[in-house]
Each structure stands twice: as structure tokens, then as C-alpha cells.
Amino acid sequence: MNFLLGIPFLISEADFGATNIWTGVALGIIQIGCAYIFLNAA
């Protein structure tokens, strides 16, 4: 849901520099993905 909601806003962004990309990936994999896997197990 959040991915689909964010698509229109994401394609309108002007800055696709390395910092925004790597922080976005880290937020997805570590801060949300891994966090929810550990929380589910807990």
C-alpha cells in the first residue's frame, strides 16, 4: 500500500543522488524489513 501510494510522489522528485538512494534502501531493508522480521519472531 505504501509503495503504491508513494509512486506518484517519488517520480516527481528531482534529487536521485547516491545519498537519497542508499538511505532509502537501508530504510527498507534494515529499518523496516529486518525490524518486522525480528518483531514477528519476538
All heavy atoms as atom14 arrays in JSON, in Angstrom:
{
  "sequence": "MNFLLGIPFLISEADFGATNIWTGVALGIIQIGCAYIFLNAA",
  "atom14_mask": [
    [1, 1, 1, 1, 1, 1, 1, 1, 0, 0, 0, 0, 0, 0],
    [1, 1, 1, 1, 1, 1, 1, 1, 0, 0, 0, 0, 0, 0],
    [1, 1, 1, 1, 1, 1, 1, 1, 1, 1, 1, 0, 0, 0],
    [1, 1, 1, 1, 1, 1, 1, 1, 0, 0, 0, 0, 0, 0],
    [1, 1, 1, 1, 1, 1, 1, 1, 0, 0, 0, 0, 0, 0],
    [1, 1, 1, 1, 0, 0, 0, 0, 0, 0, 0, 0, 0, 0],
    [1, 1, 1, 1, 1, 1, 1, 1, 0, 0, 0, 0, 0, 0],
    [1, 1, 1, 1, 1, 1, 1, 0, 0, 0, 0, 0, 0, 0],
    [1, 1, 1, 1, 1, 1, 1, 1, 1, 1, 1, 0, 0, 0],
    [1, 1, 1, 1, 1, 1, 1, 1, 0, 0, 0, 0, 0, 0],
    [1, 1, 1, 1, 1, 1, 1, 1, 0, 0, 0, 0, 0, 0],
    [1, 1, 1, 1, 1, 1, 0, 0, 0, 0, 0, 0, 0, 0],
    [1, 1, 1, 1, 1, 1, 1, 1, 1, 0, 0, 0, 0, 0],
    [1, 1, 1, 1, 1, 0, 0, 0, 0, 0, 0, 0, 0, 0],
    [1, 1, 1, 1, 1, 1, 1, 1, 0, 0, 0, 0, 0, 0],
    [1, 1, 1, 1, 1, 1, 1, 1, 1, 1, 1, 0, 0, 0],
    [1, 1, 1, 1, 0, 0, 0, 0, 0, 0, 0, 0, 0, 0],
    [1, 1, 1, 1, 1, 0, 0, 0, 0, 0, 0, 0, 0, 0],
    [1, 1, 1, 1, 1, 1, 1, 0, 0, 0, 0, 0, 0, 0],
    [1, 1, 1, 1, 1, 1, 1, 1, 0, 0, 0, 0, 0, 0],
    [1, 1, 1, 1, 1, 1, 1, 1, 0, 0, 0, 0, 0, 0],
    [1, 1, 1, 1, 1, 1, 1, 1, 1, 1, 1, 1, 1, 1],
    [1, 1, 1, 1, 1, 1, 1, 0, 0, 0, 0, 0, 0, 0],
    [1, 1, 1, 1, 0, 0, 0, 0, 0, 0, 0, 0, 0, 0],
    [1, 1, 1, 1, 1, 1, 1, 0, 0, 0, 0, 0, 0, 0],
    [1, 1, 1, 1, 1, 0, 0, 0, 0, 0, 0, 0, 0, 0],
    [1, 1, 1, 1, 1, 1, 1, 1, 0, 0, 0, 0, 0, 0],
    [1, 1, 1, 1, 0, 0, 0, 0, 0, 0, 0, 0, 0, 0],
    [1, 1, 1, 1, 1, 1, 1, 1, 0, 0, 0, 0, 0, 0],
    [1, 1, 1, 1, 1, 1, 1, 1, 0, 0, 0, 0, 0, 0],
    [1, 1, 1, 1, 1, 1, 1, 1, 1, 0, 0, 0, 0, 0],
    [1, 1, 1, 1, 1, 1, 1, 1, 0, 0, 0, 0, 0, 0],
    [1, 1, 1, 1, 0, 0, 0, 0, 0, 0, 0, 0, 0, 0],
    [1, 1, 1, 1, 1, 1, 0, 0, 0, 0, 0, 0, 0, 0],
    [1, 1, 1, 1, 1, 0, 0, 0, 0, 0, 0, 0, 0, 0],
    [1, 1, 1, 1, 1, 1, 1, 1, 1, 1, 1, 1, 0, 0],
    [1, 1, 1, 1, 1, 1, 1, 1, 0, 0, 0, 0, 0, 0],
    [1, 1, 1, 1, 1, 1, 1, 1, 1, 1, 1, 0, 0, 0],
    [1, 1, 1, 1, 1, 1, 1, 1, 0, 0, 0, 0, 0, 0],
    [1, 1, 1, 1, 1, 1, 1, 1, 0, 0, 0, 0, 0, 0],
    [1, 1, 1, 1, 1, 0, 0, 0, 0, 0, 0, 0, 0, 0],
    [1, 1, 1, 1, 1, 0, 0, 0, 0, 0, 0, 0, 0, 0]
  ],
  "atom14_positions": [
    [[0.82, -1.21, 0.0], [0.0, 0.0, 0.0], [0.86, 1.26, 0.0], [0.63, 2.19, -0.77], [-0.93, 0.0, 1.23], [-2.06, -1.01, 1.15], [-2.81, -1.36, 2.78], [-3.29, 0.27, 3.3], [0.0, 0.0, 0.0], [0.0, 0.0, 0.0], [0.0, 0.0, 0.0], [0.0, 0.0, 0.0], [0.0, 0.0, 0.0], [0.0, 0.0, 0.0]],
    [[1.86, 1.29, 0.88], [2.72, 2.47, 0.97], [3.57, 2.65, -0.28], [3.84, 3.78, -0.7], [3.61, 2.39, 2.21], [2.85, 2.68, 3.48], [1.69, 3.09, 3.44], [3.48, 2.46, 4.62], [0.0, 0.0, 0.0], [0.0, 0.0, 0.0], [0.0, 0.0, 0.0], [0.0, 0.0, 0.0], [0.0, 0.0, 0.0], [0.0, 0.0, 0.0]],
    [[3.98, 1.54, -0.87], [4.75, 1.62, -2.12], [3.91, 2.23, -3.24], [4.34, 3.17, -3.92], [5.23, 0.23, -2.54], [5.79, 0.16, -3.93], [6.88, 0.94, -4.31], [5.22, -0.68, -4.89], [7.39, 0.88, -5.61], [5.71, -0.74, -6.17], [6.8, 0.04, -6.54], [0.0, 0.0, 0.0], [0.0, 0.0, 0.0], [0.0, 0.0, 0.0]],
    [[2.68, 1.73, -3.42], [1.8, 2.24, -4.47], [1.43, 3.7, -4.21], [1.38, 4.52, -5.15], [0.54, 1.38, -4.55], [0.75, -0.06, -5.02], [-0.55, -0.85, -4.92], [1.27, -0.08, -6.46], [0.0, 0.0, 0.0], [0.0, 0.0, 0.0], [0.0, 0.0, 0.0], [0.0, 0.0, 0.0], [0.0, 0.0, 0.0], [0.0, 0.0, 0.0]],
    [[1.2, 4.04, -2.95], [0.86, 5.42, -2.6], [2.01, 6.37, -2.88], [1.8, 7.53, -3.27], [0.48, 5.49, -1.11], [0.04, 6.85, -0.56], [-1.23, 7.34, -1.27], [-0.18, 6.78, 0.94], [0.0, 0.0, 0.0], [0.0, 0.0, 0.0], [0.0, 0.0, 0.0], [0.0, 0.0, 0.0], [0.0, 0.0, 0.0], [0.0, 0.0, 0.0]],
    [[3.23, 5.88, -2.71], [4.39, 6.76, -2.86], [4.88, 6.94, -4.28], [5.63, 7.89, -4.56], [0.0, 0.0, 0.0], [0.0, 0.0, 0.0], [0.0, 0.0, 0.0], [0.0, 0.0, 0.0], [0.0, 0.0, 0.0], [0.0, 0.0, 0.0], [0.0, 0.0, 0.0], [0.0, 0.0, 0.0], [0.0, 0.0, 0.0], [0.0, 0.0, 0.0]],
    [[4.48, 6.06, -5.22], [4.98, 6.12, -6.59], [4.79, 7.49, -7.24], [5.75, 8.07, -7.78], [4.35, 5.01, -7.47], [4.89, 3.64, -7.06], [4.65, 5.26, -8.95], [4.25, 2.48, -7.8], [0.0, 0.0, 0.0], [0.0, 0.0, 0.0], [0.0, 0.0, 0.0], [0.0, 0.0, 0.0], [0.0, 0.0, 0.0], [0.0, 0.0, 0.0]],
    [[3.59, 8.09, -7.23], [3.41, 9.4, -7.89], [4.31, 10.49, -7.31], [4.78, 11.37, -8.04], [1.93, 9.72, -7.63], [1.29, 8.42, -7.35], [2.33, 7.6, -6.64], [0.0, 0.0, 0.0], [0.0, 0.0, 0.0], [0.0, 0.0, 0.0], [0.0, 0.0, 0.0], [0.0, 0.0, 0.0], [0.0, 0.0, 0.0], [0.0, 0.0, 0.0]],
    [[4.57, 10.43, -6.0], [5.4, 11.43, -5.36], [6.88, 11.17, -5.65], [7.67, 12.11, -5.83], [5.16, 11.43, -3.85], [3.75, 11.77, -3.48], [2.79, 10.78, -3.35], [3.37, 13.1, -3.28], [1.48, 11.09, -3.01], [2.06, 13.42, -2.95], [1.12, 12.42, -2.82], [0.0, 0.0, 0.0], [0.0, 0.0, 0.0], [0.0, 0.0, 0.0]],
    [[7.24, 9.89, -5.72], [8.64, 9.53, -5.97], [9.08, 9.95, -7.37], [10.19, 10.47, -7.54], [8.82, 8.02, -5.78], [10.24, 7.47, -5.88], [11.12, 8.09, -4.81], [10.23, 5.95, -5.74], [0.0, 0.0, 0.0], [0.0, 0.0, 0.0], [0.0, 0.0, 0.0], [0.0, 0.0, 0.0], [0.0, 0.0, 0.0], [0.0, 0.0, 0.0]],
    [[8.24, 9.74, -8.38], [8.65, 10.08, -9.75], [8.74, 11.59, -9.98], [9.33, 12.03, -10.97], [7.69, 9.44, -10.79], [6.27, 9.95, -10.6], [7.75, 7.92, -10.71], [5.29, 9.4, -11.62], [0.0, 0.0, 0.0], [0.0, 0.0, 0.0], [0.0, 0.0, 0.0], [0.0, 0.0, 0.0], [0.0, 0.0, 0.0], [0.0, 0.0, 0.0]],
    [[8.19, 12.36, -9.04], [8.27, 13.82, -9.18], [9.48, 14.4, -8.46], [9.73, 15.61, -8.52], [6.99, 14.47, -8.63], [6.87, 14.26, -7.24], [0.0, 0.0, 0.0], [0.0, 0.0, 0.0], [0.0, 0.0, 0.0], [0.0, 0.0, 0.0], [0.0, 0.0, 0.0], [0.0, 0.0, 0.0], [0.0, 0.0, 0.0], [0.0, 0.0, 0.0]],
    [[10.24, 13.54, -7.77], [11.43, 14.02, -7.06], [12.52, 14.42, -8.06], [12.66, 13.82, -9.12], [11.97, 12.94, -6.12], [11.05, 12.6, -4.96], [10.99, 13.69, -3.9], [11.81, 14.63, -3.95], [10.1, 13.6, -3.02], [0.0, 0.0, 0.0], [0.0, 0.0, 0.0], [0.0, 0.0, 0.0], [0.0, 0.0, 0.0], [0.0, 0.0, 0.0]],
    [[13.31, 15.42, -7.67], [14.37, 15.91, -8.54], [15.74, 15.34, -8.19], [16.61, 15.21, -9.05], [14.42, 17.44, -8.48], [0.0, 0.0, 0.0], [0.0, 0.0, 0.0], [0.0, 0.0, 0.0], [0.0, 0.0, 0.0], [0.0, 0.0, 0.0], [0.0, 0.0, 0.0], [0.0, 0.0, 0.0], [0.0, 0.0, 0.0], [0.0, 0.0, 0.0]],
    [[15.93, 15.0, -6.92], [17.24, 14.56, -6.47], [17.28, 13.04, -6.29], [16.75, 12.5, -5.31], [17.59, 15.25, -5.14], [18.97, 14.88, -4.63], [19.7, 14.16, -5.34], [19.34, 15.33, -3.52], [0.0, 0.0, 0.0], [0.0, 0.0, 0.0], [0.0, 0.0, 0.0], [0.0, 0.0, 0.0], [0.0, 0.0, 0.0], [0.0, 0.0, 0.0]],
    [[17.92, 12.36, -7.23], [18.11, 10.92, -7.13], [19.59, 10.6, -6.92], [20.14, 9.67, -7.49], [17.57, 10.21, -8.37], [16.08, 10.09, -8.39], [15.3, 11.08, -8.96], [15.44, 9.0, -7.8], [13.91, 10.99, -8.97], [14.07, 8.9, -7.8], [13.3, 9.9, -8.39], [0.0, 0.0, 0.0], [0.0, 0.0, 0.0], [0.0, 0.0, 0.0]],
    [[20.22, 11.43, -6.07], [21.62, 11.24, -5.76], [21.86, 10.02, -4.9], [20.92, 9.4, -4.38], [0.0, 0.0, 0.0], [0.0, 0.0, 0.0], [0.0, 0.0, 0.0], [0.0, 0.0, 0.0], [0.0, 0.0, 0.0], [0.0, 0.0, 0.0], [0.0, 0.0, 0.0], [0.0, 0.0, 0.0], [0.0, 0.0, 0.0], [0.0, 0.0, 0.0]],
    [[23.13, 9.69, -4.73], [23.5, 8.46, -4.02], [22.99, 8.44, -2.58], [22.55, 7.4, -2.09], [25.02, 8.32, -4.03], [0.0, 0.0, 0.0], [0.0, 0.0, 0.0], [0.0, 0.0, 0.0], [0.0, 0.0, 0.0], [0.0, 0.0, 0.0], [0.0, 0.0, 0.0], [0.0, 0.0, 0.0], [0.0, 0.0, 0.0], [0.0, 0.0, 0.0]],
    [[23.02, 9.6, -1.92], [22.61, 9.64, -0.51], [21.14, 9.26, -0.35], [20.79, 8.44, 0.52], [22.84, 11.04, 0.08], [24.24, 11.34, 0.05], [22.37, 11.09, 1.53], [0.0, 0.0, 0.0], [0.0, 0.0, 0.0], [0.0, 0.0, 0.0], [0.0, 0.0, 0.0], [0.0, 0.0, 0.0], [0.0, 0.0, 0.0], [0.0, 0.0, 0.0]],
    [[20.27, 9.83, -1.18], [18.85, 9.51, -1.08], [18.58, 8.05, -1.43], [17.71, 7.41, -0.84], [18.04, 10.43, -2.0], [17.84, 11.81, -1.4], [18.03, 12.01, -0.21], [17.47, 12.76, -2.23], [0.0, 0.0, 0.0], [0.0, 0.0, 0.0], [0.0, 0.0, 0.0], [0.0, 0.0, 0.0], [0.0, 0.0, 0.0], [0.0, 0.0, 0.0]],
    [[19.33, 7.53, -2.4], [19.13, 6.14, -2.82], [19.54, 5.17, -1.71], [18.77, 4.28, -1.32], [19.9, 5.82, -4.12], [19.38, 6.65, -5.3], [19.82, 4.32, -4.42], [17.94, 6.34, -5.67], [0.0, 0.0, 0.0], [0.0, 0.0, 0.0], [0.0, 0.0, 0.0], [0.0, 0.0, 0.0], [0.0, 0.0, 0.0], [0.0, 0.0, 0.0]],
    [[20.77, 5.34, -1.2], [21.25, 4.36, -0.23], [20.5, 4.45, 1.1], [20.25, 3.42, 1.74], [22.76, 4.43, -0.02], [23.3, 5.52, 0.86], [23.9, 6.69, 0.48], [23.34, 5.52, 2.3], [24.28, 7.42, 1.57], [23.96, 6.73, 2.7], [22.91, 4.63, 3.28], [24.17, 7.08, 4.04], [23.1, 4.98, 4.63], [23.72, 6.16, 4.99]],
    [[20.13, 5.66, 1.5], [19.34, 5.76, 2.74], [17.95, 5.16, 2.55], [17.42, 4.51, 3.47], [19.2, 7.22, 3.2], [18.7, 8.04, 2.13], [20.54, 7.77, 3.67], [0.0, 0.0, 0.0], [0.0, 0.0, 0.0], [0.0, 0.0, 0.0], [0.0, 0.0, 0.0], [0.0, 0.0, 0.0], [0.0, 0.0, 0.0], [0.0, 0.0, 0.0]],
    [[17.36, 5.33, 1.37], [16.06, 4.73, 1.09], [16.11, 3.22, 1.11], [15.21, 2.56, 1.66], [0.0, 0.0, 0.0], [0.0, 0.0, 0.0], [0.0, 0.0, 0.0], [0.0, 0.0, 0.0], [0.0, 0.0, 0.0], [0.0, 0.0, 0.0], [0.0, 0.0, 0.0], [0.0, 0.0, 0.0], [0.0, 0.0, 0.0], [0.0, 0.0, 0.0]],
    [[17.17, 2.66, 0.52], [17.34, 1.2, 0.51], [17.56, 0.68, 1.93], [16.97, -0.34, 2.34], [18.52, 0.8, -0.4], [18.81, -0.7, -0.26], [18.22, 1.14, -1.85], [0.0, 0.0, 0.0], [0.0, 0.0, 0.0], [0.0, 0.0, 0.0], [0.0, 0.0, 0.0], [0.0, 0.0, 0.0], [0.0, 0.0, 0.0], [0.0, 0.0, 0.0]],
    [[18.4, 1.38, 2.7], [18.68, 0.96, 4.08], [17.41, 1.03, 4.93], [17.17, 0.15, 5.76], [19.76, 1.85, 4.68], [0.0, 0.0, 0.0], [0.0, 0.0, 0.0], [0.0, 0.0, 0.0], [0.0, 0.0, 0.0], [0.0, 0.0, 0.0], [0.0, 0.0, 0.0], [0.0, 0.0, 0.0], [0.0, 0.0, 0.0], [0.0, 0.0, 0.0]],
    [[16.61, 2.06, 4.71], [15.35, 2.18, 5.44], [14.43, 0.98, 5.14], [13.77, 0.46, 6.03], [14.64, 3.49, 5.07], [15.18, 4.76, 5.73], [14.68, 5.99, 5.0], [14.77, 4.82, 7.2], [0.0, 0.0, 0.0], [0.0, 0.0, 0.0], [0.0, 0.0, 0.0], [0.0, 0.0, 0.0], [0.0, 0.0, 0.0], [0.0, 0.0, 0.0]],
    [[14.42, 0.57, 3.89], [13.56, -0.55, 3.51], [14.04, -1.89, 4.01], [13.26, -2.67, 4.57], [0.0, 0.0, 0.0], [0.0, 0.0, 0.0], [0.0, 0.0, 0.0], [0.0, 0.0, 0.0], [0.0, 0.0, 0.0], [0.0, 0.0, 0.0], [0.0, 0.0, 0.0], [0.0, 0.0, 0.0], [0.0, 0.0, 0.0], [0.0, 0.0, 0.0]],
    [[15.33, -2.15, 3.84], [15.87, -3.47, 4.19], [16.09, -3.63, 5.69], [15.68, -4.65, 6.27], [17.2, -3.72, 3.43], [16.93, -3.81, 1.92], [17.87, -4.99, 3.94], [18.18, -3.95, 1.09], [0.0, 0.0, 0.0], [0.0, 0.0, 0.0], [0.0, 0.0, 0.0], [0.0, 0.0, 0.0], [0.0, 0.0, 0.0], [0.0, 0.0, 0.0]],
    [[16.7, -2.62, 6.3], [17.07, -2.74, 7.72], [15.99, -2.19, 8.64], [15.45, -2.9, 9.49], [18.41, -2.02, 8.0], [19.53, -2.64, 7.16], [18.75, -2.09, 9.5], [20.84, -1.89, 7.23], [0.0, 0.0, 0.0], [0.0, 0.0, 0.0], [0.0, 0.0, 0.0], [0.0, 0.0, 0.0], [0.0, 0.0, 0.0], [0.0, 0.0, 0.0]],
    [[15.64, -0.89, 8.44], [14.77, -0.22, 9.4], [13.34, -0.75, 9.38], [12.64, -0.67, 10.4], [14.78, 1.29, 9.12], [14.21, 2.13, 10.25], [12.84, 2.69, 9.94], [12.43, 2.78, 8.79], [12.12, 3.07, 11.0], [0.0, 0.0, 0.0], [0.0, 0.0, 0.0], [0.0, 0.0, 0.0], [0.0, 0.0, 0.0], [0.0, 0.0, 0.0]],
    [[12.89, -1.28, 8.25], [11.54, -1.82, 8.18], [11.55, -3.34, 7.97], [10.98, -4.1, 8.77], [10.73, -1.15, 7.05], [10.52, 0.34, 7.37], [9.38, -1.83, 6.9], [9.66, 0.59, 8.57], [0.0, 0.0, 0.0], [0.0, 0.0, 0.0], [0.0, 0.0, 0.0], [0.0, 0.0, 0.0], [0.0, 0.0, 0.0], [0.0, 0.0, 0.0]],
    [[12.21, -3.81, 6.92], [12.18, -5.24, 6.58], [12.7, -6.13, 7.7], [11.97, -6.99, 8.23], [0.0, 0.0, 0.0], [0.0, 0.0, 0.0], [0.0, 0.0, 0.0], [0.0, 0.0, 0.0], [0.0, 0.0, 0.0], [0.0, 0.0, 0.0], [0.0, 0.0, 0.0], [0.0, 0.0, 0.0], [0.0, 0.0, 0.0], [0.0, 0.0, 0.0]],
    [[13.95, -5.93, 8.09], [14.55, -6.77, 9.15], [13.87, -6.53, 10.49], [13.68, -7.47, 11.27], [16.04, -6.47, 9.25], [17.01, -7.07, 7.84], [0.0, 0.0, 0.0], [0.0, 0.0, 0.0], [0.0, 0.0, 0.0], [0.0, 0.0, 0.0], [0.0, 0.0, 0.0], [0.0, 0.0, 0.0], [0.0, 0.0, 0.0], [0.0, 0.0, 0.0]],
    [[13.49, -5.27, 10.75], [12.83, -4.95, 12.03], [11.54, -5.74, 12.19], [11.26, -6.28, 13.27], [12.56, -3.46, 12.11], [0.0, 0.0, 0.0], [0.0, 0.0, 0.0], [0.0, 0.0, 0.0], [0.0, 0.0, 0.0], [0.0, 0.0, 0.0], [0.0, 0.0, 0.0], [0.0, 0.0, 0.0], [0.0, 0.0, 0.0], [0.0, 0.0, 0.0]],
    [[10.76, -5.83, 11.13], [9.49, -6.55, 11.21], [9.68, -8.06, 11.29], [8.89, -8.77, 11.92], [8.59, -6.19, 10.02], [7.73, -4.98, 10.31], [8.22, -3.7, 10.15], [6.43, -5.15, 10.76], [7.44, -2.59, 10.42], [5.64, -4.05, 11.04], [6.14, -2.77, 10.87], [5.38, -1.67, 11.16], [0.0, 0.0, 0.0], [0.0, 0.0, 0.0]],
    [[10.73, -8.56, 10.67], [11.02, -10.0, 10.77], [11.37, -10.34, 12.22], [10.88, -11.32, 12.79], [12.17, -10.38, 9.82], [11.69, -10.33, 8.37], [12.71, -11.78, 10.17], [12.78, -10.52, 7.34], [0.0, 0.0, 0.0], [0.0, 0.0, 0.0], [0.0, 0.0, 0.0], [0.0, 0.0, 0.0], [0.0, 0.0, 0.0], [0.0, 0.0, 0.0]],
    [[12.23, -9.52, 12.84], [12.59, -9.76, 14.24], [11.38, -9.56, 15.17], [11.19, -10.32, 16.11], [13.73, -8.82, 14.66], [15.06, -9.18, 14.07], [15.86, -8.2, 13.48], [15.54, -10.47, 14.11], [17.09, -8.51, 12.93], [16.79, -10.8, 13.57], [17.56, -9.81, 12.99], [0.0, 0.0, 0.0], [0.0, 0.0, 0.0], [0.0, 0.0, 0.0]],
    [[10.57, -8.52, 14.89], [9.4, -8.26, 15.74], [8.4, -9.41, 15.65], [7.81, -9.82, 16.66], [8.74, -6.95, 15.33], [7.5, -6.53, 16.14], [7.85, -6.37, 17.62], [6.91, -5.24, 15.59], [0.0, 0.0, 0.0], [0.0, 0.0, 0.0], [0.0, 0.0, 0.0], [0.0, 0.0, 0.0], [0.0, 0.0, 0.0], [0.0, 0.0, 0.0]],
    [[8.2, -9.92, 14.45], [7.3, -11.06, 14.26], [7.76, -12.25, 15.09], [6.96, -12.91, 15.78], [7.24, -11.44, 12.78], [6.35, -12.64, 12.52], [5.19, -12.67, 12.89], [6.91, -13.66, 11.89], [0.0, 0.0, 0.0], [0.0, 0.0, 0.0], [0.0, 0.0, 0.0], [0.0, 0.0, 0.0], [0.0, 0.0, 0.0], [0.0, 0.0, 0.0]],
    [[9.06, -12.53, 15.05], [9.61, -13.65, 15.82], [9.47, -13.39, 17.32], [9.15, -14.3, 18.1], [11.07, -13.86, 15.46], [0.0, 0.0, 0.0], [0.0, 0.0, 0.0], [0.0, 0.0, 0.0], [0.0, 0.0, 0.0], [0.0, 0.0, 0.0], [0.0, 0.0, 0.0], [0.0, 0.0, 0.0], [0.0, 0.0, 0.0], [0.0, 0.0, 0.0]],
    [[9.68, -12.14, 17.74], [9.59, -11.79, 19.16], [8.18, -11.98, 19.7], [7.98, -12.51, 20.79], [10.03, -10.34, 19.36], [0.0, 0.0, 0.0], [0.0, 0.0, 0.0], [0.0, 0.0, 0.0], [0.0, 0.0, 0.0], [0.0, 0.0, 0.0], [0.0, 0.0, 0.0], [0.0, 0.0, 0.0], [0.0, 0.0, 0.0], [0.0, 0.0, 0.0]]
  ]
}
